[in-house]
Structure formats: C-alpha cells, structure tokens
Amino acid sequence: MGDLLLRRGVVDGRRRDVAIRDGRIRRLGVDLDPTGYDALDVTDKLVLPGFVESHIHPDKAFIADRTEGLRAGGPSAQTLVAELKKTFTVDDIYRRARRVMELAVRHGCTTMRAHVEVDAYVELRGVEALRRLQVELAGVLDLRLIAFAQEGIFRDGVTQDLLREALKAGLAVLGGCPSMDRDQPRHIDWFFDTAQDFGVPLDFHADSADDPAMLVSDYIAEQTIIRGMQGRVTVGHLGTLDVLTPDHRARVIDKLREAGLHVISLPATELHVKGRGDDRRTWRGVTRIAELRAAGINVALSTNNIVNPFTPYGHPDLLRQALVAAMAAHLGNLEQMAWLLELVTTNPARAVGLEDYGLREGCRADLVVLDAHDPAQAITEQAEKLYVIKGGVLVARNTRTSEVRTPR
C-alpha cells in the first residue's frame, strides 16, 4: 500500500481521519479528501500510537522446556537460567528472539527496548544475535538494546570489560542489577561512572525483594540527582515499594520524582515469582502504579520475560499486560482504564527517549488500530489489533472472526 488514510477512527475520544504520507502523520481531521491515499475504513475503531515494549528479555525467551520451573525449596529462576545460558549459541538466541519480535509486532508493538545479557556465561553472543536482528527488522520494529548485567559485575573478572565492549559495539543503554552483587551501592556507582564515561542512559533492575532493608531505588535517585542525569535513568520492578510503611513510601516516591526516574512495572513476572517463601501469605510484588502516577512519575508497563522460569506464560502482548496490571494493581475502574493504555504507549515512549512519537500532526506514523471503541473495552475484551503501521507502512493485519449459530 502507498500513503494511507485511516477513515473515521477514534482518536482521543473523537471520530477523526488520519492522513499518513511519507511515513508521517500529515493531517488529522474530519472527512479528509481521500485523493492520492489508500483508504482503510476503521470506523469507530480505537487508533493509538504503536505499543512500546520498554523492558523485555528476548535473548532468554522460549526456554521453559529446557529446565524445571519454580517450586518450593527449588533453585531460583536466576540459577536455572544461568545454567542454560552457558549452552546458548548465537543462532539459538537469534531464532528465539526473532520469534519474540515477530509476535510483538503482530500484537501492536512498533518500538522495543530489550535487555541483552552480558556476562561470563553468555559473553557477547546475545549482543551479536540482537544486533543482527536490529538491522534485519529495521522498518518493521525499532529495536533498542541495553547491555545488561544480570549476574552482577563483581563475581568474575570479565563482565565489566564485556559490558564496555557491548557499548563500544553500539548498544545504546547500560543496565545493572544491584541485588546480584553483595555491595549494592558499589554496583550502582560503577554503573553511573561507566554510563557517564560512555554518555549513555541507565536502566536498573531494582527493588524486587520484600525486605525493606534491600531498598536501593532511593540511592539510585540520589545518584541521578548528584550526577545530573535526571530523565536518563529507568528503574524496573520496584516491588519493594509495596512493603514500605506509607510514610516511608511517600518519601521514596518523592525522591524518585525529584530525580526524574522512569519506572517500569512488570506485573506478569511479579505475580509468578514473588511470595514463594512465606507460608502465611502470598505477596504479589507489583509496584504502586497509581501512587507513582499520581506523584507525577513517568510509569510504564512491560512484558519482561517470555516462556522461561521467570514467567513461563509470558507473551509479548502489551494489551495483555494492561489487563494483568488492572487486576493485580486495583486499576479496574473505568477512569483508571481510561489512562492505563498510556502506560504501554506514551509513557514508555518517554522512558526510552522516542522522538516524534504520538498521534499528532508531524509525528512518525507508528500506529495500532484496535477492534474497540475505547480503552476500557480494549482492555476488558482483549481487542484484536486490526492494523499495525510502522513508519506509514502496514506491517501487520489481523482479524478476529466468529460465527455464533443459534438453535432453530
């Protein structure tokens, strides 16, 4: 198809046409002239900016059948996956990661920021595989890569140098996991030092524990302010907020806001992994999404893991994550679901630094059209993603058809 005209879709609650030319949104209006356009009738269908996966691990996807799952008294997901990583090859990572990305595009994702594990087990094999996909899928998916230290950086003598090599190879973000090293502040300091040396943003896995003594997001916020990196630091998980006293939590949230941190909640993984060590209650570990948003913090949702011990039923569908978050974080009221899709569109776009993103004239035409008339219907009915458009090009078309026969 050539230049596109989406006819009579629902844009910001109103029926409007969207004219797309040369990969950009050229006009928004009512009954636009269709001359020179290929028209798509999307009457009363919800038109959104393309979904943005901001925290996902395609390099360790689809490996649940290679190891055992989590069980009482058994090894952690980290331990199970670390053993498997020793056997990963470049081609193996490539095939599994490509499957993730093709599924993500089918489900409306137009931009993905992915963690690539770099450590003594897998070395730079994931970097090689994901860089290959970054080139091959350009034009279909904007793939941004994080050099991520899942295994910590002080357990061996090679990971720090491997992370530097990954950044030199073109990965644009540095990612840490403080809880994997005994001295969490030292881990965080190394990442800030290295990020500043290379001029890249930071993304931390942090505060997954139910022990308030393990809290580090406040220290990350302090360092962000001290080093002048406001707006360039992201924290994923942040479940520990859920076990703080209300006063303590309010102080931490205020510090996160002051630092301009982006927060990414990963509800499917939290619900599967958390609360396994307490036989009195089941802590679910999902961060305080509504409180963070109310405080003015940019908070997003993402998928995290796909069919591995961390999330064996993980699936790269951000509309599914919106439903999981609505159920797990008490966000099911209509006024909450009205803004919940912002957490998979505009908010993660800010977190990953997307420019010219959105449903405005002049923005890149990265769009998804849902078979629903408003966000609440899209979430509750898990609406089909009818059209996925990347840079003005239709890259996925899906249909949901059924026939109900009534007895005569």
Protein backbone atom coordinates (compact mmCIF):
# COMPACT_ATOMS: atom_id res chain seq x y z
CA MET A 1 0.00 0.00 0.00
CA GLY A 2 1.06 3.60 -0.57
CA ASP A 3 0.17 6.61 1.56
CA LEU A 4 -2.65 5.72 3.95
CA LEU A 5 -5.81 7.39 5.08
CA LEU A 6 -7.42 5.88 8.16
CA ARG A 7 -11.10 6.78 7.90
CA ARG A 8 -13.31 7.63 10.86
CA GLY A 9 -11.22 6.07 13.63
CA VAL A 10 -11.46 7.03 17.30
CA VAL A 11 -8.61 9.43 18.11
CA ASP A 12 -8.56 10.98 21.60
CA GLY A 13 -12.22 10.10 22.04
CA ARG A 14 -13.41 11.65 18.77
CA ARG A 15 -14.10 10.25 15.32
CA ARG A 16 -11.34 11.52 13.03
CA ASP A 17 -9.41 10.67 9.88
CA VAL A 18 -5.64 10.17 9.99
CA ALA A 19 -3.77 11.03 6.78
CA ILE A 20 -0.32 9.43 6.52
CA ARG A 21 2.22 10.47 3.90
CA ASP A 22 5.97 9.77 3.65
CA GLY A 23 5.90 7.90 6.94
CA ARG A 24 4.42 10.80 8.93
CA ILE A 25 1.03 11.86 10.18
CA ARG A 26 0.26 14.74 7.84
CA ARG A 27 -3.28 15.63 8.89
CA LEU A 28 -5.89 14.82 11.50
CA GLY A 29 -9.42 15.88 10.71
CA VAL A 30 -12.98 15.02 9.76
CA ASP A 31 -13.86 13.76 6.25
CA LEU A 32 -10.43 14.45 4.77
CA ASP A 33 -10.05 14.32 1.00
CA PRO A 34 -9.03 10.71 0.13
CA THR A 35 -7.45 11.63 -3.21
CA GLY A 36 -3.98 10.11 -3.52
CA TYR A 37 -4.39 7.85 -0.49
CA ASP A 38 -5.12 4.18 0.05
CA ALA A 39 -8.08 4.36 2.41
CA LEU A 40 -8.69 1.99 5.32
CA ASP A 41 -12.13 2.09 6.90
CA VAL A 42 -11.57 1.97 10.66
CA THR A 43 -14.91 3.46 11.65
CA ASP A 44 -15.27 3.66 15.43
CA LYS A 45 -12.09 1.62 15.97
CA LEU A 46 -9.55 2.86 18.54
CA VAL A 47 -6.42 4.36 16.96
CA LEU A 48 -3.37 4.56 19.23
CA PRO A 49 0.33 5.27 18.88
CA GLY A 50 2.22 1.99 18.45
CA PHE A 51 2.84 -0.02 21.61
CA VAL A 52 6.29 0.34 23.19
CA GLU A 53 7.95 -2.60 24.97
CA SER A 54 10.34 -0.88 27.35
CA HIS A 55 11.68 -3.84 29.42
CA ILE A 56 11.89 -7.26 27.79
CA HIS A 57 14.37 -10.17 27.56
CA PRO A 58 14.15 -11.79 24.10
CA ASP A 59 17.57 -13.42 24.44
CA LYS A 60 16.31 -15.82 27.12
CA ALA A 61 12.81 -16.40 25.75
CA PHE A 62 11.23 -19.78 24.94
CA ILE A 63 13.46 -21.89 27.17
CA ALA A 64 10.91 -23.14 29.72
CA ASP A 65 11.05 -26.61 28.15
CA ARG A 66 14.81 -26.82 28.75
CA THR A 67 14.70 -26.76 32.56
CA GLU A 68 12.42 -27.16 35.55
CA GLY A 69 10.05 -24.47 36.75
CA LEU A 70 9.97 -22.79 40.14
CA ARG A 71 9.00 -24.97 43.11
CA ALA A 72 9.17 -24.81 46.87
CA GLY A 73 12.74 -25.34 48.01
CA GLY A 74 13.99 -25.43 44.42
CA PRO A 75 16.53 -23.23 42.62
CA SER A 76 15.69 -19.66 41.73
CA ALA A 77 14.83 -18.54 38.23
CA GLN A 78 18.21 -16.77 38.07
CA THR A 79 20.04 -20.01 38.88
CA LEU A 80 18.08 -22.05 36.36
CA VAL A 81 18.62 -19.57 33.54
CA ALA A 82 22.30 -19.01 34.37
CA GLU A 83 22.99 -22.69 33.76
CA LEU A 84 21.14 -22.60 30.45
CA LYS A 85 22.99 -19.51 29.26
CA LYS A 86 26.20 -21.50 29.15
CA THR A 87 24.69 -23.53 26.30
CA PHE A 88 23.28 -20.63 24.27
CA THR A 89 24.67 -20.11 20.77
CA VAL A 90 24.32 -17.03 18.59
CA ASP A 91 21.92 -18.81 16.23
CA ASP A 92 19.86 -20.19 19.12
CA ILE A 93 19.44 -16.72 20.63
CA TYR A 94 18.68 -15.25 17.21
CA ARG A 95 15.88 -17.72 16.44
CA ARG A 96 14.16 -17.35 19.81
CA ALA A 97 14.50 -13.58 19.90
CA ARG A 98 13.18 -13.21 16.36
CA ARG A 99 10.09 -15.19 17.36
CA VAL A 100 9.52 -12.77 20.25
CA MET A 101 9.80 -9.78 17.96
CA GLU A 102 7.52 -11.14 15.27
CA LEU A 103 4.88 -11.86 17.92
CA ALA A 104 5.34 -8.41 19.44
CA VAL A 105 4.78 -6.72 16.07
CA ARG A 106 1.69 -8.84 15.47
CA HIS A 107 0.38 -7.53 18.80
CA GLY A 108 0.92 -3.87 18.00
CA CYS A 109 4.48 -3.19 19.14
CA THR A 110 6.39 -0.71 16.97
CA THR A 111 9.31 0.01 19.34
CA MET A 112 11.13 -2.34 21.70
CA ARG A 113 13.92 -1.68 24.17
CA ALA A 114 15.42 -5.06 25.02
CA HIS A 115 17.90 -6.22 27.63
CA VAL A 116 20.81 -8.23 26.23
CA GLU A 117 22.59 -10.28 28.89
CA VAL A 118 26.35 -9.81 29.02
CA ASP A 119 28.31 -11.96 31.45
CA ALA A 120 30.86 -14.74 31.83
CA TYR A 121 28.25 -17.37 30.85
CA VAL A 122 26.92 -16.00 27.57
CA GLU A 123 29.69 -13.45 26.87
CA LEU A 124 28.75 -11.36 23.80
CA ARG A 125 26.73 -13.98 21.92
CA GLY A 126 23.46 -12.24 22.73
CA VAL A 127 24.89 -8.94 21.54
CA GLU A 128 25.81 -10.49 18.19
CA ALA A 129 22.37 -12.06 17.73
CA LEU A 130 20.36 -9.00 18.74
CA ARG A 131 22.48 -6.60 16.69
CA ARG A 132 21.74 -8.80 13.68
CA LEU A 133 18.02 -8.58 14.36
CA GLN A 134 18.28 -4.84 14.87
CA VAL A 135 19.43 -4.49 11.27
CA GLU A 136 17.10 -7.08 9.76
CA LEU A 137 13.93 -5.75 11.38
CA ALA A 138 14.58 -2.06 10.75
CA GLY A 139 11.46 -0.62 9.19
CA VAL A 140 9.25 -3.13 10.99
CA LEU A 141 10.40 -2.69 14.59
CA ASP A 142 12.57 -0.01 16.15
CA LEU A 143 14.81 -2.21 18.33
CA ARG A 144 16.91 -0.53 21.02
CA LEU A 145 19.37 -2.57 23.07
CA ILE A 146 20.58 -2.49 26.67
CA ALA A 147 23.89 -4.07 27.72
CA PHE A 148 22.61 -5.81 30.85
CA ALA A 149 24.49 -7.44 33.73
CA GLN A 150 22.00 -9.99 35.09
CA GLU A 151 24.74 -11.85 37.00
CA GLY A 152 26.33 -8.84 38.70
CA ILE A 153 29.74 -7.35 37.95
CA PHE A 154 31.94 -8.30 40.91
CA ARG A 155 31.63 -12.10 40.72
CA ASP A 156 34.20 -12.56 37.96
CA GLY A 157 36.96 -10.69 36.20
CA VAL A 158 35.38 -10.36 32.77
CA THR A 159 31.86 -8.92 32.94
CA GLN A 160 32.88 -5.29 33.37
CA ASP A 161 35.08 -5.42 30.27
CA LEU A 162 32.38 -7.29 28.32
CA LEU A 163 29.86 -4.57 29.16
CA ARG A 164 32.27 -1.94 27.88
CA GLU A 165 32.75 -3.96 24.70
CA ALA A 166 29.00 -4.17 24.22
CA LEU A 167 28.69 -0.40 24.49
CA LYS A 168 31.53 0.05 22.01
CA ALA A 169 29.68 -2.34 19.67
CA GLY A 170 26.75 0.04 19.54
CA LEU A 171 24.40 -0.83 22.40
CA ALA A 172 22.93 2.47 23.48
CA VAL A 173 21.95 1.83 27.12
CA LEU A 174 23.71 0.29 30.13
CA GLY A 175 21.73 -1.92 32.51
CA GLY A 176 22.52 -3.06 36.04
CA CYS A 177 21.06 -5.42 38.62
CA PRO A 178 22.28 -4.29 42.07
CA SER A 179 20.82 -7.20 44.03
CA MET A 180 23.14 -9.64 42.24
CA ASP A 181 26.17 -8.14 43.99
CA ARG A 182 26.68 -8.11 47.75
CA ASP A 183 27.52 -4.38 47.83
CA GLN A 184 24.58 -2.79 46.02
CA PRO A 185 25.74 0.87 46.28
CA ARG A 186 29.14 -0.08 44.85
CA HIS A 187 27.39 -1.82 41.94
CA ILE A 188 25.24 1.27 41.32
CA ASP A 189 28.25 3.60 41.49
CA TRP A 190 30.12 1.56 38.86
CA PHE A 191 27.17 1.80 36.50
CA PHE A 192 26.83 5.55 36.92
CA ASP A 193 30.57 6.01 36.40
CA THR A 194 30.57 3.85 33.27
CA ALA A 195 27.39 5.38 31.84
CA GLN A 196 28.88 8.84 32.23
CA ASP A 197 32.12 7.71 30.58
CA PHE A 198 30.18 6.46 27.55
CA GLY A 199 27.44 9.09 27.59
CA VAL A 200 24.59 6.56 27.71
CA PRO A 201 21.38 6.29 29.78
CA LEU A 202 20.95 3.77 32.58
CA ASP A 203 18.35 1.09 33.24
CA PHE A 204 18.33 -0.80 36.56
CA HIS A 205 16.52 -3.93 37.70
CA ALA A 206 15.94 -2.89 41.30
CA ASP A 207 13.88 -3.42 44.44
CA SER A 208 12.36 -6.81 43.77
CA ALA A 209 12.65 -8.04 47.37
CA ASP A 210 10.04 -8.00 50.13
CA ASP A 211 12.71 -6.85 52.61
CA PRO A 212 12.76 -3.04 53.07
CA ALA A 213 16.44 -3.27 54.03
CA MET A 214 17.20 -4.18 50.40
CA LEU A 215 15.76 -0.92 49.07
CA VAL A 216 18.08 0.88 46.63
CA SER A 217 15.84 3.00 44.40
CA ASP A 218 16.30 5.93 46.78
CA TYR A 219 20.08 5.63 46.38
CA ILE A 220 19.69 5.43 42.59
CA ALA A 221 17.60 8.59 42.74
CA GLU A 222 20.22 10.38 44.86
CA GLN A 223 22.98 9.47 42.43
CA THR A 224 20.84 10.55 39.49
CA ILE A 225 20.45 14.00 41.04
CA ILE A 226 24.09 14.31 42.11
CA ARG A 227 25.33 13.37 38.63
CA GLY A 228 22.82 15.48 36.74
CA MET A 229 21.24 12.51 34.92
CA GLN A 230 17.59 13.40 35.54
CA GLY A 231 15.35 11.87 32.88
CA ARG A 232 18.05 9.42 31.75
CA VAL A 233 17.63 6.70 34.37
CA THR A 234 14.99 3.96 34.43
CA VAL A 235 14.16 1.52 37.22
CA GLY A 236 12.30 -1.72 36.54
CA HIS A 237 10.34 -3.81 39.07
CA LEU A 238 10.28 -1.58 42.21
CA GLY A 239 8.14 -4.10 44.09
CA THR A 240 9.75 -3.22 47.42
CA LEU A 241 7.66 -0.05 47.47
CA ASP A 242 4.70 -2.29 48.25
CA VAL A 243 6.13 -3.37 51.63
CA LEU A 244 7.20 0.04 52.92
CA THR A 245 5.20 1.95 55.50
CA PRO A 246 3.04 4.66 53.89
CA ASP A 247 5.27 7.48 55.20
CA HIS A 248 8.47 5.79 54.05
CA ARG A 249 6.95 5.01 50.65
CA ALA A 250 5.85 8.63 50.22
CA ARG A 251 9.39 9.86 50.92
CA VAL A 252 10.89 7.43 48.41
CA ILE A 253 8.34 8.30 45.73
CA ASP A 254 9.06 12.00 46.25
CA LYS A 255 12.78 11.33 45.75
CA LEU A 256 12.08 9.33 42.57
CA ARG A 257 10.01 12.23 41.26
CA GLU A 258 12.75 14.74 42.08
CA ALA A 259 15.26 12.60 40.19
CA GLY A 260 13.02 12.28 37.14
CA LEU A 261 13.28 8.50 37.20
CA HIS A 262 11.19 6.41 34.82
CA VAL A 263 9.57 3.39 36.48
CA ILE A 264 8.58 0.22 34.62
CA SER A 265 6.22 -2.27 36.25
CA LEU A 266 6.37 -5.92 35.18
CA PRO A 267 3.21 -7.40 36.66
CA ALA A 268 3.17 -10.83 35.00
CA THR A 269 6.65 -11.71 36.29
CA GLU A 270 5.98 -10.31 39.76
CA LEU A 271 2.82 -12.37 40.12
CA HIS A 272 4.62 -15.57 39.13
CA VAL A 273 7.88 -15.15 41.07
CA LYS A 274 7.00 -13.27 44.25
CA GLY A 275 5.63 -14.54 47.56
CA ARG A 276 7.02 -18.08 47.34
CA GLY A 277 8.90 -18.06 50.64
CA ASP A 278 6.13 -17.14 53.07
CA ASP A 279 3.64 -19.84 54.09
CA ARG A 280 1.35 -17.31 55.85
CA ARG A 281 0.52 -15.02 52.93
CA THR A 282 1.27 -14.55 49.25
CA TRP A 283 2.91 -11.23 48.46
CA ARG A 284 2.37 -10.37 44.79
CA GLY A 285 5.13 -7.79 44.41
CA VAL A 286 3.54 -5.37 41.92
CA THR A 287 4.71 -1.80 42.47
CA ARG A 288 2.37 1.03 43.47
CA ILE A 289 1.43 2.08 39.94
CA ALA A 290 -1.36 4.51 40.80
CA GLU A 291 0.62 6.24 43.56
CA LEU A 292 3.63 6.68 41.30
CA ARG A 293 1.48 8.13 38.54
CA ALA A 294 -0.36 10.45 40.94
CA ALA A 295 3.01 11.77 42.13
CA GLY A 296 3.92 12.80 38.59
CA ILE A 297 6.37 9.97 37.92
CA ASN A 298 6.51 8.50 34.43
CA VAL A 299 5.42 4.89 34.96
CA ALA A 300 5.08 2.23 32.26
CA LEU A 301 4.19 -1.44 31.87
CA SER A 302 6.19 -4.07 30.03
CA THR A 303 6.26 -7.80 29.40
CA ASN A 304 9.71 -8.72 30.79
CA ASN A 305 10.06 -12.48 30.24
CA ILE A 306 8.69 -14.87 27.64
CA VAL A 307 8.22 -18.60 28.38
CA ASN A 308 11.11 -19.12 30.79
CA PRO A 309 11.37 -19.84 34.53
CA PHE A 310 10.77 -16.17 35.38
CA THR A 311 7.42 -16.11 33.53
CA PRO A 312 6.50 -19.40 31.84
CA TYR A 313 3.30 -17.93 30.37
CA GLY A 314 4.87 -14.64 29.30
CA HIS A 315 3.69 -13.31 25.93
CA PRO A 316 4.73 -10.11 24.10
CA ASP A 317 1.28 -8.51 24.08
CA LEU A 318 1.10 -5.22 25.95
CA LEU A 319 -2.68 -5.19 25.88
CA ARG A 320 -2.49 -8.38 27.95
CA GLN A 321 -0.12 -6.64 30.37
CA ALA A 322 -2.61 -3.81 30.75
CA LEU A 323 -5.27 -6.34 31.79
CA VAL A 324 -2.89 -8.07 34.22
CA ALA A 325 -1.99 -4.70 35.74
CA ALA A 326 -5.65 -3.71 36.03
CA MET A 327 -6.37 -6.88 38.00
CA ALA A 328 -3.19 -7.01 40.09
CA ALA A 329 -2.84 -3.32 40.96
CA HIS A 330 -6.53 -2.46 41.59
CA LEU A 331 -6.80 -0.38 38.40
CA GLY A 332 -10.07 -1.76 37.09
CA ASN A 333 -12.31 1.30 37.49
CA LEU A 334 -13.38 2.91 34.23
CA GLU A 335 -11.49 6.15 34.92
CA GLN A 336 -8.33 4.12 35.60
CA MET A 337 -8.62 2.01 32.48
CA ALA A 338 -9.08 5.24 30.54
CA TRP A 339 -5.43 6.10 31.26
CA LEU A 340 -3.97 2.62 31.61
CA LEU A 341 -3.08 2.34 27.91
CA GLU A 342 -0.83 5.39 28.34
CA LEU A 343 1.43 3.00 30.26
CA VAL A 344 2.11 0.98 27.10
CA THR A 345 2.24 3.91 24.65
CA THR A 346 3.20 7.48 25.52
CA ASN A 347 4.80 6.75 28.91
CA PRO A 348 7.27 4.06 27.76
CA ALA A 349 7.99 6.22 24.70
CA ARG A 350 9.22 8.91 27.10
CA ALA A 351 11.22 6.35 29.07
CA VAL A 352 13.13 5.09 26.03
CA GLY A 353 13.61 8.56 24.56
CA LEU A 354 11.43 8.25 21.45
CA GLU A 355 11.17 11.45 19.45
CA ASP A 356 8.29 12.47 17.17
CA TYR A 357 6.07 9.85 18.78
CA GLY A 358 2.33 10.18 19.22
CA LEU A 359 -0.94 10.93 17.49
CA ARG A 360 -0.20 14.47 16.36
CA GLU A 361 0.46 16.03 13.00
CA GLY A 362 4.14 15.68 12.14
CA CYS A 363 4.72 12.60 14.28
CA ARG A 364 6.03 9.35 12.85
CA ALA A 365 3.18 7.15 11.68
CA ASP A 366 3.74 4.30 14.15
CA LEU A 367 0.19 3.25 14.97
CA VAL A 368 -2.02 0.38 16.07
CA VAL A 369 -5.75 0.12 15.38
CA LEU A 370 -7.74 -1.88 17.93
CA ASP A 371 -11.12 -3.53 17.46
CA ALA A 372 -12.65 -1.46 20.26
CA HIS A 373 -14.14 1.99 20.67
CA ASP A 374 -12.38 2.98 23.91
CA PRO A 375 -9.53 1.84 26.20
CA ALA A 376 -11.79 0.08 28.72
CA GLN A 377 -13.33 -2.11 26.02
CA ALA A 378 -9.90 -2.77 24.51
CA ILE A 379 -8.54 -3.97 27.86
CA THR A 380 -11.51 -5.94 29.15
CA GLU A 381 -12.26 -7.68 25.85
CA GLN A 382 -8.61 -8.00 24.81
CA ALA A 383 -9.46 -6.48 21.46
CA GLU A 384 -7.79 -7.63 18.26
CA LYS A 385 -5.03 -5.45 16.84
CA LEU A 386 -6.58 -4.97 13.41
CA TYR A 387 -3.77 -2.97 11.81
CA VAL A 388 -0.18 -2.30 12.86
CA ILE A 389 1.53 0.53 11.00
CA LYS A 390 5.25 1.30 11.19
CA GLY A 391 6.58 4.43 9.54
CA GLY A 392 3.43 4.66 7.47
CA VAL A 393 3.73 1.07 6.23
CA LEU A 394 1.17 -1.59 7.11
CA VAL A 395 3.32 -4.30 8.74
CA ALA A 396 0.60 -6.49 10.30
CA ARG A 397 -3.08 -7.10 9.65
CA ASN A 398 -5.13 -9.30 11.96
CA THR A 399 -8.74 -10.42 12.01
CA ARG A 400 -10.95 -11.94 14.66
CA THR A 401 -13.97 -13.64 13.19
CA SER A 402 -16.56 -15.90 14.73
CA GLU A 403 -19.97 -17.24 13.88
CA VAL A 404 -22.49 -17.99 16.59
CA ARG A 405 -25.28 -20.30 15.47
CA THR A 406 -28.46 -20.24 17.47
CA PRO A 407 -30.69 -23.32 17.57
CA ARG A 408 -33.78 -23.18 15.38
